[in-house]
PDB file of N, CA and C in Angstrom:
ATOM      1  N   MET A   1      50.310 -35.210  72.545  1.00  0.00           N
ATOM      2  CA  MET A   1      50.722 -35.882  72.903  1.00  0.00           C
ATOM      3  C   MET A   1      50.020 -35.541  74.119  1.00  0.00           C
ATOM      4  N   GLY A   2      49.765 -36.489  75.202  1.00  0.00           N
ATOM      5  CA  GLY A   2      48.659 -36.163  76.344  1.00  0.00           C
ATOM      6  C   GLY A   2      46.886 -36.477  75.510  1.00  0.00           C
ATOM      7  N   ALA A   3      46.524 -35.696  76.314  1.00  0.00           N
ATOM      8  CA  ALA A   3      45.089 -36.159  75.727  1.00  0.00           C
ATOM      9  C   ALA A   3      44.447 -35.281  74.457  1.00  0.00           C
ATOM     10  N   GLY A   4      45.455 -34.514  74.072  1.00  0.00           N
ATOM     11  CA  GLY A   4      45.032 -33.559  73.204  1.00  0.00           C
ATOM     12  C   GLY A   4      45.116 -34.762  71.698  1.00  0.00           C
ATOM     13  N   LEU A   5      46.045 -35.601  71.987  1.00  0.00           N
ATOM     14  CA  LEU A   5      46.841 -36.387  70.866  1.00  0.00           C
ATOM     15  C   LEU A   5      45.785 -37.696  70.567  1.00  0.00           C
ATOM     16  N   ASP A   6      45.271 -37.903  72.269  1.00  0.00           N
ATOM     17  CA  ASP A   6      44.312 -39.324  72.520  1.00  0.00           C
ATOM     18  C   ASP A   6      43.053 -38.726  71.295  1.00  0.00           C
ATOM     19  N   ALA A   7      42.590 -37.987  71.833  1.00  0.00           N
ATOM     20  CA  ALA A   7      41.298 -37.237  71.246  1.00  0.00           C
ATOM     21  C   ALA A   7      41.368 -37.286  69.746  1.00  0.00           C
ATOM     22  N   LEU A   8      42.473 -36.519  69.023  1.00  0.00           N
ATOM     23  CA  LEU A   8      43.067 -36.416  67.600  1.00  0.00           C
ATOM     24  C   LEU A   8      42.824 -37.950  67.181  1.00  0.00           C
ATOM     25  N   LEU A   9      43.433 -38.929  67.655  1.00  0.00           N
ATOM     26  CA  LEU A   9      43.334 -40.227  67.644  1.00  0.00           C
ATOM     27  C   LEU A   9      42.040 -40.963  67.198  1.00  0.00           C
ATOM     28  N   LEU A  10      41.364 -40.812  68.202  1.00  0.00           N
ATOM     29  CA  LEU A  10      39.684 -40.944  68.367  1.00  0.00           C
ATOM     30  C   LEU A  10      39.441 -40.309  67.176  1.00  0.00           C
ATOM     31  N   ASP A  11      39.347 -39.493  67.155  1.00  0.00           N
ATOM     32  CA  ASP A  11      38.443 -38.653  66.046  1.00  0.00           C
ATOM     33  C   ASP A  11      38.736 -39.291  64.739  1.00  0.00           C
ATOM     34  N   GLU A  12      40.267 -39.587  64.050  1.00  0.00           N
ATOM     35  CA  GLU A  12      40.503 -40.002  63.310  1.00  0.00           C
ATOM     36  C   GLU A  12      40.049 -41.470  63.185  1.00  0.00           C
ATOM     37  N   PHE A  13      39.637 -42.181  63.932  1.00  0.00           N
ATOM     38  CA  PHE A  13      38.995 -43.660  64.209  1.00  0.00           C
ATOM     39  C   PHE A  13      38.244 -43.640  63.619  1.00  0.00           C
ATOM     40  N   VAL A  14      37.115 -42.599  64.204  1.00  0.00           N
ATOM     41  CA  VAL A  14      35.948 -42.669  64.269  1.00  0.00           C
ATOM     42  C   VAL A  14      35.486 -43.044  62.563  1.00  0.00           C
ATOM     43  N   HIS A  15      35.887 -40.839  62.022  1.00  0.00           N
ATOM     44  CA  HIS A  15      35.886 -40.641  61.058  1.00  0.00           C
ATOM     45  C   HIS A  15      36.387 -41.682  59.834  1.00  0.00           C
ATOM     46  N   ALA A  16      37.139 -42.625  60.457  1.00  0.00           N
ATOM     47  CA  ALA A  16      37.756 -43.291  59.159  1.00  0.00           C
ATOM     48  C   ALA A  16      36.764 -44.785  59.119  1.00  0.00           C
ATOM     49  N   VAL A  17      36.156 -45.040  60.217  1.00  0.00           N
ATOM     50  CA  VAL A  17      35.334 -45.918  61.003  1.00  0.00           C
ATOM     51  C   VAL A  17      33.745 -45.178  59.520  1.00  0.00           C
ATOM     52  N   ARG A  18      33.446 -44.591  59.922  1.00  0.00           N
ATOM     53  CA  ARG A  18      32.969 -44.177  58.821  1.00  0.00           C
ATOM     54  C   ARG A  18      32.177 -43.872  57.640  1.00  0.00           C
ATOM     55  N   GLU A  19      33.794 -43.931  57.058  1.00  0.00           N
ATOM     56  CA  GLU A  19      34.025 -43.482  55.563  1.00  0.00           C
ATOM     57  C   GLU A  19      34.107 -44.874  55.423  1.00  0.00           C
ATOM     58  N   GLY A  20      34.517 -46.128  55.721  1.00  0.00           N
ATOM     59  CA  GLY A  20      34.827 -47.388  55.380  1.00  0.00           C
ATOM     60  C   GLY A  20      36.335 -47.549  54.480  1.00  0.00           C
ATOM     61  N   ARG A  21      37.383 -46.789  55.684  1.00  0.00           N
ATOM     62  CA  ARG A  21      38.818 -46.639  55.511  1.00  0.00           C
ATOM     63  C   ARG A  21      39.177 -46.946  56.701  1.00  0.00           C
ATOM     64  N   GLN A  22      40.629 -47.289  56.122  1.00  0.00           N
ATOM     65  CA  GLN A  22      41.857 -47.820  57.318  1.00  0.00           C
ATOM     66  C   GLN A  22      41.837 -46.468  58.032  1.00  0.00           C
ATOM     67  N   PRO A  23      42.208 -46.276  59.949  1.00  0.00           N
ATOM     68  CA  PRO A  23      42.403 -45.431  60.695  1.00  0.00           C
ATOM     69  C   PRO A  23      43.868 -44.807  60.047  1.00  0.00           C
ATOM     70  N   GLN A  24      44.799 -43.963  60.268  1.00  0.00           N
ATOM     71  CA  GLN A  24      45.995 -43.555  60.194  1.00  0.00           C
ATOM     72  C   GLN A  24      46.505 -42.751  61.387  1.00  0.00           C
ATOM     73  N   PRO A  25      47.088 -43.348  62.197  1.00  0.00           N
ATOM     74  CA  PRO A  25      48.372 -44.331  61.410  1.00  0.00           C
ATOM     75  C   PRO A  25      47.665 -45.531  61.952  1.00  0.00           C
ATOM     76  N   ASP A  26      47.785 -46.405  61.353  1.00  0.00           N
ATOM     77  CA  ASP A  26      47.609 -48.070  61.702  1.00  0.00           C
ATOM     78  C   ASP A  26      48.261 -48.154  62.191  1.00  0.00           C
ATOM     79  N   ALA A  27      48.122 -50.183  62.188  1.00  0.00           N
ATOM     80  CA  ALA A  27      49.576 -51.410  62.893  1.00  0.00           C
ATOM     81  C   ALA A  27      49.853 -51.091  62.656  1.00  0.00           C
ATOM     82  N   GLY A  28      50.451 -51.319  61.406  1.00  0.00           N
ATOM     83  CA  GLY A  28      51.948 -51.379  61.011  1.00  0.00           C
ATOM     84  C   GLY A  28      52.496 -50.016  60.763  1.00  0.00           C
ATOM     85  N   VAL A  29      52.521 -48.805  60.886  1.00  0.00           N
ATOM     86  CA  VAL A  29      53.208 -47.567  61.763  1.00  0.00           C
ATOM     87  C   VAL A  29      53.797 -47.461  62.894  1.00  0.00           C
ATOM     88  N   GLY A  30      52.808 -48.694  63.974  1.00  0.00           N
ATOM     89  CA  GLY A  30      52.722 -48.850  65.424  1.00  0.00           C
ATOM     90  C   GLY A  30      54.498 -49.951  65.622  1.00  0.00           C
ATOM     91  N   ILE A  31      54.119 -50.671  64.361  1.00  0.00           N
ATOM     92  CA  ILE A  31      55.473 -51.735  64.531  1.00  0.00           C
ATOM     93  C   ILE A  31      56.251 -51.178  64.012  1.00  0.00           C
ATOM     94  N   ARG A  32      56.478 -50.629  62.923  1.00  0.00           N
ATOM     95  CA  ARG A  32      57.442 -49.766  62.363  1.00  0.00           C
ATOM     96  C   ARG A  32      58.390 -48.612  63.057  1.00  0.00           C
ATOM     97  N   THR A  33      57.437 -48.050  64.166  1.00  0.00           N
ATOM     98  CA  THR A  33      58.149 -47.022  65.612  1.00  0.00           C
ATOM     99  C   THR A  33      58.812 -47.757  66.766  1.00  0.00           C
ATOM    100  N   VAL A  34      58.268 -48.789  66.965  1.00  0.00           N
ATOM    101  CA  VAL A  34      58.098 -49.625  67.737  1.00  0.00           C
ATOM    102  C   VAL A  34      60.201 -50.836  67.459  1.00  0.00           C
ATOM    103  N   GLU A  35      60.170 -50.903  66.176  1.00  0.00           N
ATOM    104  CA  GLU A  35      61.297 -51.779  65.644  1.00  0.00           C
ATOM    105  C   GLU A  35      62.331 -50.482  65.301  1.00  0.00           C
ATOM    106  N   ILE A  36      61.762 -48.671  65.321  1.00  0.00           N
ATOM    107  CA  ILE A  36      62.952 -47.791  64.992  1.00  0.00           C
ATOM    108  C   ILE A  36      63.531 -47.421  66.304  1.00  0.00           C
ATOM    109  N   ALA A  37      62.182 -47.480  67.205  1.00  0.00           N
ATOM    110  CA  ALA A  37      62.875 -47.756  68.399  1.00  0.00           C
ATOM    111  C   ALA A  37      64.070 -48.572  69.191  1.00  0.00           C
ATOM    112  N   THR A  38      63.531 -49.391  68.985  1.00  0.00           N
ATOM    113  CA  THR A  38      64.204 -50.737  69.478  1.00  0.00           C
ATOM    114  C   THR A  38      65.962 -50.748  69.100  1.00  0.00           C
ATOM    115  N   ALA A  39      66.010 -49.960  67.277  1.00  0.00           N
ATOM    116  CA  ALA A  39      66.913 -49.818  66.784  1.00  0.00           C
ATOM    117  C   ALA A  39      68.113 -48.838  67.268  1.00  0.00           C
ATOM    118  N   ALA A  40      67.364 -48.008  67.871  1.00  0.00           N
ATOM    119  CA  ALA A  40      68.031 -47.088  68.100  1.00  0.00           C
ATOM    120  C   ALA A  40      68.236 -47.594  69.488  1.00  0.00           C
ATOM    121  N   GLN A  41      67.655 -47.753  70.496  1.00  0.00           N
ATOM    122  CA  GLN A  41      68.382 -48.423  71.501  1.00  0.00           C
ATOM    123  C   GLN A  41      69.052 -49.277  71.523  1.00  0.00           C
ATOM    124  N   ALA A  42      69.297 -50.034  70.747  1.00  0.00           N
ATOM    125  CA  ALA A  42      70.568 -51.304  70.581  1.00  0.00           C
ATOM    126  C   ALA A  42      71.715 -49.931  69.790  1.00  0.00           C
ATOM    127  N   SER A  43      71.477 -49.499  69.331  1.00  0.00           N
ATOM    128  CA  SER A  43      72.932 -48.341  68.674  1.00  0.00           C
ATOM    129  C   SER A  43      73.511 -47.758  69.879  1.00  0.00           C
ATOM    130  N   ALA A  44      72.460 -47.579  70.864  1.00  0.00           N
ATOM    131  CA  ALA A  44      72.972 -46.556  71.792  1.00  0.00           C
ATOM    132  C   ALA A  44      73.665 -47.174  72.220  1.00  0.00           C
ATOM    133  N   ALA A  45      73.416 -48.463  73.217  1.00  0.00           N
ATOM    134  CA  ALA A  45      73.915 -49.126  73.722  1.00  0.00           C
ATOM    135  C   ALA A  45      74.826 -50.515  72.983  1.00  0.00           C
ATOM    136  N   ARG A  46      75.423 -49.542  72.060  1.00  0.00           N
ATOM    137  CA  ARG A  46      76.534 -50.755  71.272  1.00  0.00           C
ATOM    138  C   ARG A  46      77.716 -49.298  71.057  1.00  0.00           C
ATOM    139  N   GLY A  47      77.399 -48.507  71.383  1.00  0.00           N
ATOM    140  CA  GLY A  47      78.566 -47.425  71.571  1.00  0.00           C
ATOM    141  C   GLY A  47      77.756 -46.245  69.949  1.00  0.00           C
ATOM    142  N   GLY A  48      77.049 -46.466  69.530  1.00  0.00           N
ATOM    143  CA  GLY A  48      76.151 -45.955  68.067  1.00  0.00           C
ATOM    144  C   GLY A  48      76.702 -46.584  67.215  1.00  0.00           C
ATOM    145  N   GLU A  49      76.993 -47.953  67.323  1.00  0.00           N
ATOM    146  CA  GLU A  49      76.932 -48.623  66.290  1.00  0.00           C
ATOM    147  C   GLU A  49      75.626 -48.542  65.289  1.00  0.00           C
ATOM    148  N   VAL A  50      75.959 -48.203  64.282  1.00  0.00           N
ATOM    149  CA  VAL A  50      74.757 -49.229  63.519  1.00  0.00           C
ATOM    150  C   VAL A  50      74.057 -49.588  64.001  1.00  0.00           C
ATOM    151  N   VAL A  51      72.796 -49.752  63.589  1.00  0.00           N
ATOM    152  CA  VAL A  51      72.037 -51.043  63.580  1.00  0.00           C
ATOM    153  C   VAL A  51      70.775 -50.616  62.086  1.00  0.00           C
ATOM    154  N   THR A  52      70.910 -51.743  61.454  1.00  0.00           N
ATOM    155  CA  THR A  52      70.252 -52.286  60.350  1.00  0.00           C
ATOM    156  C   THR A  52      68.776 -53.168  60.706  1.00  0.00           C
ATOM    157  N   LEU A  53      67.864 -52.169  60.074  1.00  0.00           N
ATOM    158  CA  LEU A  53      66.468 -52.631  60.311  1.00  0.00           C
ATOM    159  C   LEU A  53      66.340 -53.174  59.244  1.00  0.00           C
ATOM    160  N   ALA A  54      64.841 -54.678  59.491  1.00  0.00           N
ATOM    161  CA  ALA A  54      65.108 -55.478  58.820  1.00  0.00           C
ATOM    162  C   ALA A  54      64.376 -55.136  57.808  1.00  0.00           C
TER     163      ALA A  54
END
């Protein structure tokens, strides 16, 4: 978390560009993470009801 994580992500990005590959985590991972966090918030708001992800 914080500056250390930023440095790791930047390092991964630079290496991926140099190697001609997709950096990880990619946008798909970010989108899925937001979906999971949103579902967790919805579940909490509903008293712990299970929320199904699409």
